[in-house]
Amino acid sequence: MATISLCMIVKNEEAVLARCLDSICGLMDEMIIVDTGSTDRTREIAKKYTKKVYGFAWVNDFSAARNFAFSKASCEYIYSADADEVLDEENREKFRYLKENLMPEVEIVQMYYGNQLSHRSVYNYDRELRPKLFKRQRSFQWIDPIHETVRLLPVVFDSDIEITHMPQGSHAGRDLAIFEDMVKRGESFSKRLFTMYAKELLIAGDRDRLASAEDFFTQAADGGQTAPEQMKEALCVVVRAARLRGDGLKMYRYAMKGVTDEGISEVCWELGEYYFMRKDYVEASIWYYNAAYETSSILNIHTGGDLPLMRLSECYEALGEKEQAKEYRSLAKSWTAENNA
């Protein structure tokens, strides 16, 4: 049977930590909890479950904190959990079976992460596979009978275990502050982080956050070295930020870059909002229709689904076309991100 070290980083999680630990404690051989500066009872609660509670000075870097937690592990495998996760009884048993039957060559086990769309997450899906269980020490092996080489890619097993994500609220403010700090320090963004920054802004960023990020994404949108996908993402942010500032000229100039070729739902949605707020319902309805039916979303799936459909209903209501308003309202209410991803 495999042995497992639980490694967690926490901060001010007194409301949810016991719920999480109760759901997994019987499956863990070692529990390591790293506190990054709690001012509530988090440490006190953690010490009821394990003596291995450590402090770590927060440096606006989740990877640094997780690496510190992993460095304290001593078992064969490390299970990485967050305090707002819960493992129900059915999935506890699946986890127990996995632990008893895990093949030693498996280096990463992926588990389903569920309940994302219930909490205004930056993810456009309700359920996805994520790496959760990691072999602590990796053994390198030679592969191929001729022209042999060392296998570099890990052996990954996709399990059917599902973890329920149950956050107390949005983490967007915390995440966006870290992104803003990276921009101020002039740090480079990987493609993944660039996308996540744009997603957080479009889904959960307020007017001030968008204004703060506008120059960064404008430079990316104007940059000749920006990759095509990141160029589109930058346009989405710039168009939203300019519209909210009331800069119609800049909004329209960058929007036109985003409606060429196949178009982008997020940009069409913003143009719809621009005309809707000016009570030009005919023009607004054209852009909302394009957002819903003629383009695809790249950051916020709702801008290509229920949001423009509901606005189409409001446009037709304002234009006195009751039947079309009713039809679009029904479509908006029946639309789900999971079925349209």
Protein backbone atom coordinates (compact mmCIF):
# COMPACT_ATOMS: atom_id res chain seq x y z
CA MET A 1 0.00 0.00 0.00
CA ALA A 2 1.26 3.46 -0.91
CA THR A 3 2.03 5.94 1.87
CA ILE A 4 0.83 9.51 1.44
CA SER A 5 1.85 12.87 2.88
CA LEU A 6 -0.80 15.57 2.86
CA CYS A 7 0.74 18.96 2.03
CA MET A 8 -1.35 22.11 2.41
CA ILE A 9 -0.76 25.83 2.47
CA VAL A 10 -3.35 27.83 4.42
CA LYS A 11 -4.18 31.33 5.58
CA ASN A 12 -7.23 32.37 7.64
CA GLU A 13 -9.14 29.17 6.90
CA GLU A 14 -10.79 28.58 10.28
CA ALA A 15 -14.24 28.36 8.67
CA VAL A 16 -13.39 25.46 6.36
CA LEU A 17 -10.16 23.77 7.47
CA ALA A 18 -11.71 21.20 9.82
CA ARG A 19 -14.29 20.25 7.17
CA CYS A 20 -11.50 19.55 4.70
CA LEU A 21 -9.26 17.65 7.12
CA ASP A 22 -12.12 15.55 8.45
CA SER A 23 -12.87 14.40 4.92
CA ILE A 24 -9.32 13.17 4.19
CA CYS A 25 -7.48 12.56 7.47
CA GLY A 26 -8.09 8.79 7.57
CA LEU A 27 -6.42 8.43 4.17
CA MET A 28 -3.19 10.27 5.02
CA ASP A 29 -0.09 8.79 6.69
CA GLU A 30 1.40 12.22 7.37
CA MET A 31 -0.17 15.67 7.48
CA ILE A 32 1.89 18.79 6.78
CA ILE A 33 0.17 22.17 7.05
CA VAL A 34 2.03 25.36 6.19
CA ASP A 35 0.50 28.60 7.44
CA THR A 36 1.34 31.75 5.49
CA GLY A 37 0.24 34.31 8.07
CA SER A 38 -3.15 33.52 9.59
CA THR A 39 -4.66 35.92 12.10
CA ASP A 40 -7.57 33.65 13.06
CA ARG A 41 -7.73 30.14 14.62
CA THR A 42 -6.32 28.32 11.58
CA ARG A 43 -3.12 27.17 13.30
CA GLU A 44 -4.99 26.09 16.41
CA ILE A 45 -7.35 23.95 14.32
CA ALA A 46 -4.49 22.49 12.27
CA LYS A 47 -2.65 21.38 15.42
CA LYS A 48 -5.63 19.23 16.42
CA TYR A 49 -4.86 17.06 13.39
CA THR A 50 -1.06 17.12 13.19
CA LYS A 51 2.05 18.30 14.98
CA LYS A 52 3.62 19.20 11.64
CA VAL A 53 2.34 22.77 11.36
CA TYR A 54 4.87 25.22 9.96
CA GLY A 55 5.00 28.95 9.36
CA PHE A 56 6.10 30.44 6.05
CA ALA A 57 6.49 34.14 5.35
CA TRP A 58 4.16 35.04 2.47
CA VAL A 59 6.06 36.46 -0.52
CA ASN A 60 3.17 36.70 -3.03
CA ASP A 61 4.21 33.37 -4.52
CA PHE A 62 2.05 30.27 -4.15
CA SER A 63 4.71 28.07 -5.77
CA ALA A 64 7.28 29.06 -3.15
CA ALA A 65 4.88 28.16 -0.35
CA ARG A 66 3.89 24.84 -1.93
CA ASN A 67 7.52 23.93 -2.58
CA PHE A 68 8.28 24.56 1.09
CA ALA A 69 5.38 22.30 2.11
CA PHE A 70 6.53 19.56 -0.28
CA SER A 71 10.05 19.77 1.16
CA LYS A 72 8.71 18.61 4.54
CA ALA A 73 7.08 15.44 3.16
CA SER A 74 8.57 12.01 3.87
CA CYS A 75 6.06 9.52 2.41
CA GLU A 76 6.09 7.89 -1.03
CA TYR A 77 3.41 10.20 -2.42
CA ILE A 78 2.30 13.75 -1.73
CA TYR A 79 -1.35 14.79 -1.83
CA SER A 80 -1.82 18.51 -2.46
CA ALA A 81 -5.07 19.92 -1.09
CA ASP A 82 -6.64 23.31 -0.45
CA ALA A 83 -8.71 24.09 2.64
CA ASP A 84 -11.91 24.67 0.66
CA GLU A 85 -11.94 21.17 -0.81
CA VAL A 86 -14.11 18.30 0.41
CA LEU A 87 -13.99 14.58 -0.33
CA ASP A 88 -17.40 12.95 0.12
CA GLU A 89 -17.87 9.37 1.36
CA GLU A 90 -18.12 7.81 -2.10
CA ASN A 91 -14.90 9.45 -3.23
CA ARG A 92 -13.16 8.66 0.06
CA GLU A 93 -13.70 4.99 -0.71
CA LYS A 94 -12.40 5.48 -4.25
CA PHE A 95 -9.33 7.18 -2.78
CA ARG A 96 -8.83 4.34 -0.28
CA TYR A 97 -9.02 1.78 -3.10
CA LEU A 98 -6.53 3.80 -5.15
CA LYS A 99 -4.13 3.92 -2.23
CA GLU A 100 -4.33 0.17 -1.73
CA ASN A 101 -3.83 -0.63 -5.42
CA LEU A 102 -1.63 2.16 -6.77
CA MET A 103 1.07 0.81 -9.09
CA PRO A 104 4.55 2.03 -8.07
CA GLU A 105 5.39 3.25 -11.59
CA VAL A 106 2.61 5.86 -11.43
CA GLU A 107 4.14 9.27 -10.70
CA ILE A 108 1.11 11.57 -10.91
CA VAL A 109 -2.54 10.81 -10.22
CA GLN A 110 -5.14 13.18 -11.60
CA MET A 111 -8.50 13.64 -9.90
CA TYR A 112 -11.62 15.49 -10.95
CA TYR A 113 -12.08 18.97 -9.50
CA GLY A 114 -15.77 19.75 -9.37
CA ASN A 115 -18.32 22.44 -8.48
CA GLN A 116 -16.35 25.24 -10.16
CA LEU A 117 -19.22 27.13 -11.76
CA SER A 118 -21.10 27.60 -8.49
CA HIS A 119 -18.63 30.16 -7.18
CA ARG A 120 -17.89 32.58 -10.07
CA SER A 121 -14.69 30.74 -10.79
CA VAL A 122 -12.34 31.86 -13.56
CA TYR A 123 -12.77 28.43 -15.11
CA ASN A 124 -15.31 27.88 -17.88
CA TYR A 125 -16.22 24.37 -16.79
CA ASP A 126 -17.68 22.69 -13.76
CA ARG A 127 -15.44 19.62 -13.68
CA GLU A 128 -11.87 19.01 -14.85
CA LEU A 129 -9.00 16.63 -14.22
CA ARG A 130 -6.18 18.08 -12.13
CA PRO A 131 -2.93 16.58 -10.88
CA LYS A 132 -3.43 16.02 -7.13
CA LEU A 133 -1.20 13.12 -6.04
CA PHE A 134 2.54 13.22 -6.75
CA LYS A 135 5.31 10.69 -6.28
CA ARG A 136 7.80 12.34 -3.94
CA GLN A 137 10.97 10.86 -5.41
CA ARG A 138 11.19 10.08 -9.09
CA SER A 139 13.15 7.15 -10.51
CA PHE A 140 14.59 7.74 -13.97
CA GLN A 141 14.34 4.87 -16.43
CA TRP A 142 15.88 4.13 -19.79
CA ILE A 143 13.36 3.42 -22.54
CA ASP A 144 13.35 2.19 -26.17
CA PRO A 145 15.23 -0.95 -27.28
CA ILE A 146 17.51 1.07 -29.59
CA HIS A 147 18.53 4.74 -29.62
CA GLU A 148 17.64 4.47 -25.97
CA THR A 149 16.85 7.56 -23.92
CA VAL A 150 15.72 8.47 -20.43
CA ARG A 151 11.94 8.83 -20.04
CA LEU A 152 11.32 12.47 -19.12
CA LEU A 153 7.54 12.62 -19.12
CA PRO A 154 5.89 11.38 -15.91
CA VAL A 155 3.58 8.37 -15.81
CA VAL A 156 0.14 9.90 -15.20
CA PHE A 157 -2.98 8.03 -14.09
CA ASP A 158 -6.41 9.62 -14.53
CA SER A 159 -8.58 8.44 -11.63
CA ASP A 160 -12.36 8.79 -11.27
CA ILE A 161 -12.06 10.42 -7.84
CA GLU A 162 -13.89 13.74 -7.64
CA ILE A 163 -13.05 16.49 -5.16
CA THR A 164 -15.75 19.04 -4.41
CA HIS A 165 -14.59 22.65 -4.39
CA MET A 166 -16.51 24.65 -1.77
CA PRO A 167 -14.92 28.10 -1.35
CA GLN A 168 -16.35 30.66 1.05
CA GLY A 169 -16.02 33.42 -1.55
CA SER A 170 -14.09 34.63 -4.59
CA HIS A 171 -10.29 34.67 -4.51
CA ALA A 172 -10.16 37.14 -7.41
CA GLY A 173 -9.01 40.14 -5.36
CA ARG A 174 -6.09 38.20 -3.92
CA ASP A 175 -5.11 36.75 -7.30
CA LEU A 176 -5.37 40.05 -9.16
CA ALA A 177 -3.19 41.76 -6.55
CA ILE A 178 -0.45 39.20 -7.25
CA PHE A 179 -0.75 39.76 -11.00
CA GLU A 180 -0.55 43.53 -10.50
CA ASP A 181 2.57 43.11 -8.37
CA MET A 182 4.17 41.02 -11.14
CA VAL A 183 3.44 43.79 -13.66
CA LYS A 184 4.96 46.45 -11.37
CA ARG A 185 8.12 44.37 -10.97
CA GLY A 186 8.36 43.89 -14.73
CA GLU A 187 8.20 40.11 -14.48
CA SER A 188 7.49 38.11 -17.61
CA PHE A 189 4.22 36.18 -17.94
CA SER A 190 4.01 32.66 -19.29
CA LYS A 191 1.23 32.11 -21.81
CA ARG A 192 -0.77 30.30 -19.12
CA LEU A 193 -0.42 33.13 -16.58
CA PHE A 194 -1.22 35.75 -19.21
CA THR A 195 -4.45 33.89 -20.00
CA MET A 196 -5.34 33.50 -16.32
CA TYR A 197 -4.77 37.22 -15.68
CA ALA A 198 -7.07 38.14 -18.58
CA LYS A 199 -9.69 35.63 -17.41
CA GLU A 200 -9.68 36.92 -13.84
CA LEU A 201 -10.12 40.48 -15.09
CA LEU A 202 -13.01 39.70 -17.44
CA ILE A 203 -14.88 37.44 -15.04
CA ALA A 204 -14.23 39.05 -11.67
CA GLY A 205 -12.29 42.28 -12.17
CA ASP A 206 -13.97 45.55 -11.24
CA ARG A 207 -13.57 48.90 -13.00
CA ASP A 208 -10.49 49.87 -10.98
CA ARG A 209 -8.71 46.56 -11.60
CA LEU A 210 -9.37 46.82 -15.33
CA ALA A 211 -8.10 50.40 -15.43
CA SER A 212 -4.95 49.30 -13.61
CA ALA A 213 -4.32 46.52 -16.13
CA GLU A 214 -5.24 48.47 -19.29
CA ASP A 215 -1.75 49.70 -20.17
CA PHE A 216 -0.23 46.23 -19.73
CA PHE A 217 -2.75 44.62 -22.07
CA THR A 218 -2.64 47.55 -24.52
CA GLN A 219 1.11 47.03 -24.90
CA ALA A 220 0.48 43.33 -25.49
CA ALA A 221 -2.22 44.08 -28.06
CA ASP A 222 0.14 46.46 -29.88
CA GLY A 223 3.20 44.26 -29.57
CA GLY A 224 4.53 42.64 -32.70
CA GLN A 225 5.94 39.76 -30.67
CA THR A 226 2.66 38.82 -28.97
CA ALA A 227 1.40 35.36 -29.93
CA PRO A 228 -1.96 35.30 -31.76
CA GLU A 229 -3.94 33.77 -28.86
CA GLN A 230 -2.54 36.23 -26.33
CA MET A 231 -3.22 39.06 -28.79
CA LYS A 232 -6.92 38.12 -28.82
CA GLU A 233 -7.00 37.88 -25.02
CA ALA A 234 -5.37 41.30 -24.70
CA LEU A 235 -7.96 42.81 -27.05
CA CYS A 236 -10.77 41.50 -24.85
CA VAL A 237 -9.35 43.24 -21.79
CA VAL A 238 -8.53 46.50 -23.58
CA VAL A 239 -12.01 46.75 -25.14
CA ARG A 240 -13.69 46.14 -21.76
CA ALA A 241 -11.43 48.62 -19.93
CA ALA A 242 -11.87 51.34 -22.56
CA ARG A 243 -15.65 50.93 -22.60
CA LEU A 244 -15.90 51.23 -18.83
CA ARG A 245 -13.73 54.36 -18.92
CA GLY A 246 -16.00 55.86 -21.55
CA ASP A 247 -13.29 55.93 -24.20
CA GLY A 248 -15.45 54.92 -27.15
CA LEU A 249 -12.79 55.69 -29.75
CA LYS A 250 -10.20 53.36 -28.20
CA MET A 251 -12.83 50.72 -27.51
CA TYR A 252 -13.97 50.70 -31.13
CA ARG A 253 -10.45 50.80 -32.57
CA TYR A 254 -9.35 47.71 -30.64
CA ALA A 255 -12.72 46.00 -31.05
CA MET A 256 -12.33 46.12 -34.82
CA LYS A 257 -9.11 44.12 -34.46
CA GLY A 258 -11.12 41.48 -32.62
CA VAL A 259 -14.05 41.11 -35.01
CA THR A 260 -11.98 40.36 -38.09
CA ASP A 261 -11.61 36.74 -39.24
CA GLU A 262 -13.78 34.51 -37.02
CA GLY A 263 -14.40 37.14 -34.31
CA ILE A 264 -14.46 36.86 -30.52
CA SER A 265 -17.60 36.61 -28.37
CA GLU A 266 -16.11 38.76 -25.61
CA VAL A 267 -15.51 41.65 -28.02
CA CYS A 268 -18.97 41.38 -29.61
CA TRP A 269 -20.47 41.34 -26.11
CA GLU A 270 -18.66 44.58 -25.23
CA LEU A 271 -19.91 46.27 -28.41
CA GLY A 272 -23.40 45.10 -27.54
CA GLU A 273 -23.05 46.61 -24.07
CA TYR A 274 -21.78 49.87 -25.54
CA TYR A 275 -24.90 50.32 -27.69
CA PHE A 276 -27.27 48.88 -25.09
CA MET A 277 -26.22 51.50 -22.54
CA ARG A 278 -27.00 54.14 -25.19
CA LYS A 279 -30.43 52.58 -25.73
CA ASP A 280 -29.62 51.77 -29.35
CA TYR A 281 -31.32 48.39 -29.06
CA VAL A 282 -31.25 47.57 -32.77
CA GLU A 283 -27.47 47.96 -33.03
CA ALA A 284 -26.96 46.28 -29.64
CA SER A 285 -29.00 43.26 -30.71
CA ILE A 286 -26.77 42.77 -33.77
CA TRP A 287 -23.66 42.50 -31.61
CA TYR A 288 -25.34 40.32 -28.99
CA TYR A 289 -26.49 37.95 -31.73
CA ASN A 290 -22.92 37.80 -33.04
CA ALA A 291 -21.65 37.08 -29.53
CA ALA A 292 -24.13 34.23 -29.04
CA TYR A 293 -24.21 32.62 -32.47
CA GLU A 294 -21.49 33.83 -34.83
CA THR A 295 -18.36 33.81 -32.67
CA SER A 296 -16.68 31.77 -29.93
CA SER A 297 -15.58 32.83 -26.45
CA ILE A 298 -11.94 32.52 -25.42
CA LEU A 299 -11.94 33.76 -21.80
CA ASN A 300 -15.47 33.90 -20.40
CA ILE A 301 -17.82 31.31 -21.88
CA HIS A 302 -20.85 33.25 -20.61
CA THR A 303 -20.20 36.07 -23.10
CA GLY A 304 -21.03 33.60 -25.85
CA GLY A 305 -24.05 32.15 -24.08
CA ASP A 306 -26.51 33.21 -21.40
CA LEU A 307 -25.30 36.83 -21.13
CA PRO A 308 -25.98 37.92 -24.75
CA LEU A 309 -29.12 35.75 -24.92
CA MET A 310 -30.60 37.56 -21.92
CA ARG A 311 -29.58 40.92 -23.37
CA LEU A 312 -31.26 39.97 -26.67
CA SER A 313 -34.42 39.36 -24.66
CA GLU A 314 -34.11 42.81 -23.08
CA CYS A 315 -33.46 44.45 -26.46
CA TYR A 316 -36.56 42.91 -28.04
CA GLU A 317 -38.61 43.75 -24.96
CA ALA A 318 -37.56 47.39 -25.34
CA LEU A 319 -38.42 47.26 -29.05
CA GLY A 320 -41.89 45.92 -28.27
CA GLU A 321 -41.30 42.49 -29.82
CA LYS A 322 -42.66 40.39 -26.95
CA GLU A 323 -42.53 36.95 -28.57
CA GLN A 324 -38.86 37.21 -29.54
CA ALA A 325 -38.07 38.60 -26.10
CA LYS A 326 -39.78 35.59 -24.51
CA GLU A 327 -37.92 33.14 -26.76
CA TYR A 328 -34.50 34.57 -25.98
CA ARG A 329 -35.27 34.76 -22.26
CA SER A 330 -36.13 31.06 -22.33
CA LEU A 331 -32.91 30.25 -24.21
CA ALA A 332 -30.85 32.23 -21.70
CA LYS A 333 -32.39 30.45 -18.71
CA SER A 334 -31.88 26.99 -20.20
CA TRP A 335 -28.29 27.65 -21.31
CA THR A 336 -25.56 25.97 -19.26
CA ALA A 337 -21.81 26.39 -19.55
CA GLU A 338 -21.22 22.68 -19.03
CA ASN A 339 -23.34 21.74 -22.06
CA ASN A 340 -21.90 24.48 -24.27
CA ALA A 341 -18.20 24.29 -23.43
